């Protein structure tokens, strides 16, 4: 068990079962924690992120058309000493989880050692990979990771539509190797106009290969995805309208304790148009289903060592948004937090409300009618 005191109580990370739990001051006291001066009524909150995304390399030969890092075959690995220094800083700040990414982390010969280095500092390591180049020996070396996330957007045709090359076979092969090595793994599924309608088939295939979790990711205009065809690749308005029902139908039909379905924080704003979820805004907030975490519970460390609010935003502070209409009068605002800042900055060059949020779309249509 690892703990971090806050002005309101404490975060507690459990390893078995794996969970991050928020306790108020009374609950924290029951397990023997004492916040001291931090629990005084006039104490000022100064909380570190719960999770840090750390880019360990900018090298990758896959050439995914939507790569947020714009990784290339001639990219460079971050020096091991710099990464260990970063891990020291994150551990000292009270970060709980470190997510290694790139580029392609498997191109580093010391990836397994990095997982063990994070564990030694009390950090919970996870890593995202395309699975390309994974061998049985490399799979066995990743045992220190709490989870390996394999990028998997669908079968060969769907995968190629999303990423620009046929990589589904390599991803499925990697999943089989991880399963045989006893390494827990999940899949990251990027939702685009091409992959959305195949989602059920994709998730069932991943589950059949041993995945224990699927994380659904919104397609974001960063890196190589920041170009005009973003408008044709993002979810259509009809697909956004069907997102909530699609997720509910899948979980009701196929959900189980052994296979979870999650959405990234950028996806939450797209659910605001779902009447059932909008009516349960308070429940979603209580359950921790929250929108943009950039610069709050999440931070990113780039390959050059600079800190950023998230992997899709440049270094520097992020101005809060969602303060103006229609967000200011929206019951979903405390849940979605104004939506994805990466999308807002790309489409509108500012920190206004997420322009793809169904309620923002409807409001603007009314204003211009």
Foldseek 3Di string as FASTA:
>chain_A
DDWDAWLQPIWDADVVVGDIDDDGNVRNVVVPDDPPPSPDPPHDTDADAQEEEEEQKLAAPLQFLQDQSLRYNPIGGQDPVLLLVVLLVCLVRPHAEYEYEHHAPVVDPCSLVSLVSNVVSNHAYEYEHCLPPDDLVNLLSNQSHQEYEHEAADQQVLVCVRGVHRSNVSSLVSLLSNVVSVHAYAYEHEDWQSRLVCVLVRLVVRVVSPHQEYEYEFRFLHDSNLDDCVVVTGHDLVSLQCVVVVVVVSCVVPNDNRYYYHYAQQSLLSCCNPVVVQVVLVVCVVVVQAHDCFPHNYWYQYSVRAIGSHSRDDGDDDDQELCDPPSVVGSNCRGSSQHDQRQCCSPPVDRYHRCNRPVNVVVVVVVVD
